[in-house]
């Protein structure tokens, strides 16, 4: 079924392009196969990972990508940026990285024309549309915190002066789950800023064979842009306009609340295994992600399966297990699965 604007105001044409929101949605739905084809020039497999990153992009959230080295995380993010014609920057996080290396700094420059010298702000690599924070857990908390203002406020402050970031703005951060020695795990407050935690695993044998054949047989074809940054900003507004029933919002709230230990109605397995549960941002991410999923699927409303399919990427970095869970061999995915079995939808 074709998606139509949820309200008359949504059908108004964009002043810069003359294209209505309805036409933009139709163009998006018609371009789904072309998006897959363009990504297929450089990326083999990983369909679920691509889908979740795309949902984050459409909803305007930030994404944490967890996976071993060599799985083409950087290439995937760069390829998506090229499809949407977004400026891409990669920051390699290391123990000696300083906050100013990310945000930028004030330097003394000659103003010319005999005007003497003055302090000038030189923007850092965070001034891009899509920023890949590679191995974010390898840099100290002071530098990690430099991302907090940028992620939440879409601005940075240097010498008391605020500098707005380019729009749209996304942070995609990677973590290596294998080598944890000498790393600095992200604090809960910063983890909560990420809409999804996407797990990127090894490819099946057939896909890995295709990767090796492609990468050892010449350069891949260039990716052609399909949309623009202005289109992405309009997608954000359209996602927010997708209708959702109060019953489904209640289900998302109850799913997040059930993960909080020692609360009224919390299941016993959560009290035993969980030290910290998901907050309100989890419910917001579930609903926004579900709306984006409905939009990309060409539907006019959110369904229960939209929320249920996003429970793992939304909750896996917000539900923190305790030592008893580790001793019992319980993974966070096991807790999320049991949460979905415990919380029944009221629809």
Protein backbone atom coordinates (compact mmCIF):
# COMPACT_ATOMS: atom_id res chain seq x y z
CA UNK A 1 0.00 0.00 0.00
CA UNK A 2 1.31 3.43 -0.90
CA UNK A 3 1.97 5.82 1.93
CA UNK A 4 0.01 9.08 1.82
CA UNK A 5 0.61 12.21 3.89
CA UNK A 6 -0.96 11.87 7.36
CA UNK A 7 -2.26 15.43 7.32
CA UNK A 8 -3.07 18.11 4.73
CA UNK A 9 -0.16 20.23 5.91
CA UNK A 10 2.23 17.38 5.18
CA UNK A 11 1.32 17.59 1.49
CA UNK A 12 2.56 21.15 1.16
CA UNK A 13 5.39 21.50 -1.35
CA UNK A 14 8.89 22.19 -0.14
CA UNK A 15 9.71 25.82 -0.80
CA UNK A 16 13.21 25.08 -2.08
CA UNK A 17 12.43 22.21 -4.46
CA UNK A 18 8.72 22.51 -5.23
CA UNK A 19 8.31 18.82 -4.38
CA UNK A 20 5.48 17.87 -2.01
CA UNK A 21 6.06 15.57 0.95
CA UNK A 22 3.82 12.99 -0.73
CA UNK A 23 6.04 13.03 -3.83
CA UNK A 24 9.14 12.75 -1.66
CA UNK A 25 7.74 9.66 0.08
CA UNK A 26 6.81 8.11 -3.26
CA UNK A 27 10.35 8.82 -4.48
CA UNK A 28 11.76 7.16 -1.35
CA UNK A 29 9.61 4.06 -1.78
CA UNK A 30 10.51 3.85 -5.44
CA UNK A 31 14.22 4.16 -4.64
CA UNK A 32 14.42 1.31 -2.10
CA UNK A 33 15.75 -1.19 -4.62
CA UNK A 34 18.12 1.37 -6.07
CA UNK A 35 19.49 2.07 -2.57
CA UNK A 36 20.18 -1.65 -2.13
CA UNK A 37 21.79 -1.78 -5.57
CA UNK A 38 24.06 1.18 -4.86
CA UNK A 39 25.12 -0.24 -1.47
CA UNK A 40 25.64 -3.59 -3.18
CA UNK A 41 28.48 -2.04 -5.18
CA UNK A 42 30.63 -2.00 -2.04
CA UNK A 43 28.80 -4.00 0.66
CA UNK A 44 27.91 -7.70 0.57
CA UNK A 45 25.19 -8.99 2.90
CA UNK A 46 24.57 -7.32 6.29
CA UNK A 47 20.97 -6.52 5.29
CA UNK A 48 19.72 -6.25 8.88
CA UNK A 49 22.61 -3.97 9.87
CA UNK A 50 21.97 -1.73 6.85
CA UNK A 51 18.24 -1.63 7.64
CA UNK A 52 18.81 -0.54 11.25
CA UNK A 53 21.32 2.16 10.31
CA UNK A 54 18.90 3.45 7.69
CA UNK A 55 16.12 3.61 10.28
CA UNK A 56 18.42 5.64 12.55
CA UNK A 57 19.20 7.99 9.70
CA UNK A 58 15.52 8.45 8.83
CA UNK A 59 14.54 9.07 12.46
CA UNK A 60 17.40 11.47 13.18
CA UNK A 61 19.10 9.35 15.84
CA UNK A 62 22.69 8.35 16.52
CA UNK A 63 23.91 4.77 16.20
CA UNK A 64 26.40 2.59 18.06
CA UNK A 65 27.88 -0.23 15.97
CA UNK A 66 29.42 -3.17 17.82
CA UNK A 67 31.54 -5.60 15.84
CA UNK A 68 34.96 -7.14 15.37
CA UNK A 69 37.61 -5.41 13.22
CA UNK A 70 37.60 -5.96 9.48
CA UNK A 71 33.83 -6.18 8.95
CA UNK A 72 33.67 -3.09 6.71
CA UNK A 73 31.98 -0.85 9.28
CA UNK A 74 33.74 2.26 7.97
CA UNK A 75 33.02 1.37 4.36
CA UNK A 76 29.34 0.79 5.12
CA UNK A 77 28.86 4.14 6.88
CA UNK A 78 30.78 5.98 4.15
CA UNK A 79 28.67 4.30 1.46
CA UNK A 80 25.42 5.35 3.14
CA UNK A 81 26.74 8.92 3.41
CA UNK A 82 27.45 8.89 -0.34
CA UNK A 83 23.92 7.72 -1.18
CA UNK A 84 22.46 10.68 0.72
CA UNK A 85 25.18 13.07 -0.50
CA UNK A 86 26.30 13.80 3.07
CA UNK A 87 29.71 15.10 4.13
CA UNK A 88 31.53 12.24 5.86
CA UNK A 89 34.31 12.37 8.45
CA UNK A 90 36.03 9.52 10.28
CA UNK A 91 37.69 10.12 13.66
CA UNK A 92 40.02 7.41 14.97
CA UNK A 93 39.70 7.45 18.77
CA UNK A 94 42.99 6.80 20.57
CA UNK A 95 44.17 7.23 24.19
CA UNK A 96 45.97 10.49 23.34
CA UNK A 97 43.06 12.13 21.51
CA UNK A 98 42.02 15.45 23.05
CA UNK A 99 38.55 17.10 22.98
CA UNK A 100 39.84 19.95 20.81
CA UNK A 101 41.01 17.38 18.25
CA UNK A 102 37.32 16.58 17.71
CA UNK A 103 35.47 19.85 18.18
CA UNK A 104 38.10 22.32 16.93
CA UNK A 105 40.07 25.04 18.66
CA UNK A 106 40.82 28.76 18.72
CA UNK A 107 44.08 29.81 17.07
CA UNK A 108 45.79 33.19 16.78
CA UNK A 109 45.73 34.47 13.21
CA UNK A 110 46.80 37.62 11.42
CA UNK A 111 43.62 39.42 10.41
CA UNK A 112 45.42 41.24 7.56
CA UNK A 113 45.05 44.83 6.40
CA UNK A 114 47.00 46.01 9.42
CA UNK A 115 44.29 44.90 11.79
CA UNK A 116 46.63 42.93 14.04
CA UNK A 117 45.99 39.44 15.27
CA UNK A 118 42.80 37.88 16.58
CA UNK A 119 41.57 34.51 17.78
CA UNK A 120 39.85 32.46 15.08
CA UNK A 121 37.91 29.24 15.55
CA UNK A 122 39.10 26.39 13.35
CA UNK A 123 36.39 23.68 13.13
CA UNK A 124 37.32 20.10 13.94
CA UNK A 125 36.27 16.94 12.09
CA UNK A 126 32.95 16.83 13.96
CA UNK A 127 31.71 19.56 11.61
CA UNK A 128 30.30 17.11 9.07
CA UNK A 129 26.93 15.56 8.35
CA UNK A 130 27.92 11.98 9.20
CA UNK A 131 30.72 11.40 11.70
CA UNK A 132 32.17 7.94 12.30
CA UNK A 133 33.68 7.78 15.81
CA UNK A 134 35.86 4.73 15.29
CA UNK A 135 36.60 2.65 18.43
CA UNK A 136 35.09 5.26 20.72
CA UNK A 137 35.89 3.16 23.79
CA UNK A 138 39.66 3.58 23.23
CA UNK A 139 39.77 7.22 24.32
CA UNK A 140 39.46 8.63 27.88
CA UNK A 141 36.11 9.88 29.24
CA UNK A 142 37.08 13.55 28.86
CA UNK A 143 37.32 13.14 25.09
CA UNK A 144 34.26 10.89 24.92
CA UNK A 145 32.30 13.62 26.69
CA UNK A 146 33.23 16.07 23.94
CA UNK A 147 30.69 14.26 21.81
CA UNK A 148 27.84 14.67 24.32
CA UNK A 149 27.01 18.30 23.55
CA UNK A 150 27.35 17.69 19.82
CA UNK A 151 25.07 14.64 19.89
CA UNK A 152 22.40 16.23 22.06
CA UNK A 153 22.48 19.90 21.06
CA UNK A 154 24.01 19.72 17.55
CA UNK A 155 26.54 22.35 18.53
CA UNK A 156 29.95 22.71 20.14
CA UNK A 157 31.18 25.42 22.51
CA UNK A 158 34.71 26.82 22.27
CA UNK A 159 35.94 29.70 24.43
CA UNK A 160 32.36 30.37 25.49
CA UNK A 161 31.12 30.73 21.90
CA UNK A 162 28.59 28.27 20.48
CA UNK A 163 29.11 26.95 16.97
CA UNK A 164 26.22 25.18 15.23
CA UNK A 165 26.95 21.91 13.45
CA UNK A 166 25.99 21.11 9.90
CA UNK A 167 22.51 19.66 9.42
CA UNK A 168 21.63 16.87 9.22
CA UNK A 169 24.08 15.58 11.81
CA UNK A 170 24.67 11.95 12.79
CA UNK A 171 27.22 10.21 14.97
CA UNK A 172 27.90 6.55 14.30
CA UNK A 173 30.32 5.15 16.85
CA UNK A 174 32.00 1.74 16.72
CA UNK A 175 33.14 -0.49 19.56
CA UNK A 176 35.37 -3.54 19.41
CA UNK A 177 33.80 -6.20 21.68
CA UNK A 178 36.87 -8.45 21.65
CA UNK A 179 39.76 -6.40 23.03
CA UNK A 180 38.49 -4.73 26.21
CA UNK A 181 41.86 -4.36 27.95
CA UNK A 182 42.97 -0.75 28.13
CA UNK A 183 39.61 0.61 27.00
CA UNK A 184 37.23 3.10 28.56
CA UNK A 185 33.64 1.78 28.49
CA UNK A 186 31.11 4.48 27.68
CA UNK A 187 29.13 5.69 30.72
CA UNK A 188 25.42 4.93 30.86
CA UNK A 189 24.45 8.57 30.23
CA UNK A 190 26.34 8.63 26.94
CA UNK A 191 25.20 5.18 25.85
CA UNK A 192 21.63 6.39 26.26
CA UNK A 193 22.26 9.08 23.62
CA UNK A 194 22.54 6.40 20.96
CA UNK A 195 19.19 5.42 19.46
CA UNK A 196 20.34 1.92 18.43
CA UNK A 197 23.16 -0.45 19.25
CA UNK A 198 23.63 -2.44 16.05
CA UNK A 199 25.59 -5.68 16.23
CA UNK A 200 27.64 -6.46 13.12
CA UNK A 201 28.68 -10.11 12.89
CA UNK A 202 30.86 -12.16 10.56
CA UNK A 203 29.47 -12.87 7.09
CA UNK A 204 28.29 -16.32 5.96
CA UNK A 205 30.80 -18.22 3.86
CA UNK A 206 29.14 -17.44 0.51
CA UNK A 207 29.07 -13.72 1.22
CA UNK A 208 32.67 -13.73 2.43
CA UNK A 209 33.73 -15.41 -0.81
CA UNK A 210 32.01 -12.63 -2.76
CA UNK A 211 33.78 -9.97 -0.69
CA UNK A 212 37.19 -11.47 -1.44
CA UNK A 213 36.40 -11.87 -5.14
CA UNK A 214 35.33 -8.24 -5.38
CA UNK A 215 38.14 -6.70 -3.35
CA UNK A 216 40.88 -8.62 -5.14
CA UNK A 217 39.55 -8.13 -8.67
CA UNK A 218 39.59 -4.36 -9.11
CA UNK A 219 38.06 -1.19 -7.74
CA UNK A 220 34.29 -1.17 -7.12
CA UNK A 221 32.01 1.10 -9.10
CA UNK A 222 31.39 4.56 -7.66
CA UNK A 223 28.24 5.03 -5.61
CA UNK A 224 25.76 7.49 -7.11
CA UNK A 225 23.90 9.84 -4.74
CA UNK A 226 20.13 9.35 -4.70
CA UNK A 227 18.98 11.86 -2.09
CA UNK A 228 20.34 15.02 -0.48
CA UNK A 229 20.86 16.25 3.05
CA UNK A 230 17.77 18.46 2.64
CA UNK A 231 15.75 15.34 1.79
CA UNK A 232 17.00 13.67 4.97
CA UNK A 233 15.84 16.61 7.08
CA UNK A 234 12.40 16.35 5.50
CA UNK A 235 12.37 12.61 6.21
CA UNK A 236 12.83 13.43 9.91
CA UNK A 237 9.67 15.51 9.88
CA UNK A 238 7.72 12.90 7.92
CA UNK A 239 8.73 10.14 10.34
CA UNK A 240 7.36 12.16 13.26
CA UNK A 241 4.03 12.53 11.44
CA UNK A 242 3.44 8.79 11.01
CA UNK A 243 0.44 7.90 13.25
CA UNK A 244 0.78 5.49 16.17
CA UNK A 245 -1.94 4.37 18.58
CA UNK A 246 -1.76 5.09 22.29
CA UNK A 247 -1.94 1.33 22.95
CA UNK A 248 1.30 0.78 21.04
CA UNK A 249 2.99 3.67 22.85
CA UNK A 250 1.85 2.09 26.14
CA UNK A 251 3.36 -1.22 25.06
CA UNK A 252 6.72 0.47 24.30
CA UNK A 253 6.67 2.21 27.68
CA UNK A 254 5.85 -1.04 29.52
CA UNK A 255 8.57 -2.93 27.65
CA UNK A 256 11.19 -0.39 28.74
CA UNK A 257 9.80 -0.15 32.30
CA UNK A 258 9.87 -3.93 32.75
CA UNK A 259 13.68 -3.84 32.38
CA UNK A 260 14.10 -1.70 35.53
CA UNK A 261 14.98 -3.84 38.57
CA UNK A 262 13.20 -3.60 41.91
CA UNK A 263 10.19 -1.68 40.60
CA UNK A 264 6.54 -2.58 41.03
CA UNK A 265 5.64 -5.32 38.59
CA UNK A 266 9.23 -6.01 37.52
CA UNK A 267 9.67 -9.71 36.64
CA UNK A 268 11.88 -11.82 38.89
CA UNK A 269 14.51 -12.55 36.22
CA UNK A 270 15.12 -8.80 35.84
CA UNK A 271 15.61 -8.39 39.61
CA UNK A 272 18.10 -11.27 39.54
CA UNK A 273 20.15 -10.34 36.47
CA UNK A 274 19.81 -6.61 35.75
CA UNK A 275 21.63 -3.84 37.60
CA UNK A 276 20.25 -0.95 35.55
CA UNK A 277 17.28 -0.78 33.19
CA UNK A 278 16.20 1.33 30.25
CA UNK A 279 14.95 4.90 30.72
CA UNK A 280 12.44 7.05 28.89
CA UNK A 281 14.68 7.47 25.83
CA UNK A 282 14.21 3.74 25.16
CA UNK A 283 10.47 4.23 24.64
CA UNK A 284 11.11 7.26 22.46
CA UNK A 285 13.57 5.30 20.33
CA UNK A 286 11.18 2.36 19.99
CA UNK A 287 8.39 4.60 18.71
CA UNK A 288 10.54 6.76 16.43
CA UNK A 289 12.25 3.68 15.00
CA UNK A 290 8.88 1.99 14.49
CA UNK A 291 7.57 5.06 12.66
CA UNK A 292 10.63 5.10 10.38
CA UNK A 293 10.16 1.37 9.71
CA UNK A 294 6.53 1.93 8.77
CA UNK A 295 7.49 4.81 6.46
CA UNK A 296 10.15 2.76 4.68
CA UNK A 297 7.68 -0.11 4.35
CA UNK A 298 5.11 2.16 2.71
CA UNK A 299 2.53 1.94 5.49
CA UNK A 300 0.36 4.69 6.95
CA UNK A 301 0.64 3.58 10.59
CA UNK A 302 2.85 1.74 13.07
CA UNK A 303 2.24 -1.95 13.76
CA UNK A 304 3.17 -4.05 16.78
CA UNK A 305 5.84 -5.92 14.82
CA UNK A 306 7.61 -2.61 14.09
CA UNK A 307 8.23 -2.13 17.81
CA UNK A 308 9.03 -5.76 18.55
CA UNK A 309 11.59 -5.98 15.74
CA UNK A 310 13.53 -3.05 17.25
CA UNK A 311 13.58 -4.21 20.88
CA UNK A 312 17.10 -5.65 20.64
CA UNK A 313 18.91 -2.66 19.04
CA UNK A 314 17.08 -0.24 21.35
CA UNK A 315 17.54 -2.11 24.63
CA UNK A 316 20.84 -4.01 24.37
CA UNK A 317 22.95 -0.99 25.38
CA UNK A 318 20.44 0.33 27.90
CA UNK A 319 19.96 -2.84 29.95
CA UNK A 320 23.07 -3.46 32.06
CA UNK A 321 23.53 -6.93 33.50
CA UNK A 322 25.06 -7.68 36.90
CA UNK A 323 27.66 -10.22 38.02
CA UNK A 324 25.03 -12.85 38.74
CA UNK A 325 23.93 -12.78 35.11
CA UNK A 326 27.54 -13.21 34.01
CA UNK A 327 27.96 -16.14 36.39
CA UNK A 328 24.77 -17.73 35.06
CA UNK A 329 25.89 -17.31 31.46
CA UNK A 330 23.02 -14.95 30.66
CA UNK A 331 23.38 -12.52 27.75
CA UNK A 332 21.50 -9.24 27.35
CA UNK A 333 19.74 -10.70 24.29
CA UNK A 334 18.34 -13.45 26.55
CA UNK A 335 16.90 -10.83 28.91
CA UNK A 336 15.37 -8.84 26.03
CA UNK A 337 13.75 -12.00 24.61
CA UNK A 338 12.23 -12.81 27.99
CA UNK A 339 11.05 -9.23 28.39
CA UNK A 340 9.14 -9.51 25.12
CA UNK A 341 7.59 -12.76 26.32
CA UNK A 342 6.64 -11.17 29.64
CA UNK A 343 5.14 -7.88 28.39
CA UNK A 344 1.89 -8.48 26.56
CA UNK A 345 0.55 -5.84 24.16
CA UNK A 346 -2.84 -4.36 24.94
CA UNK A 347 -3.88 -4.61 21.28
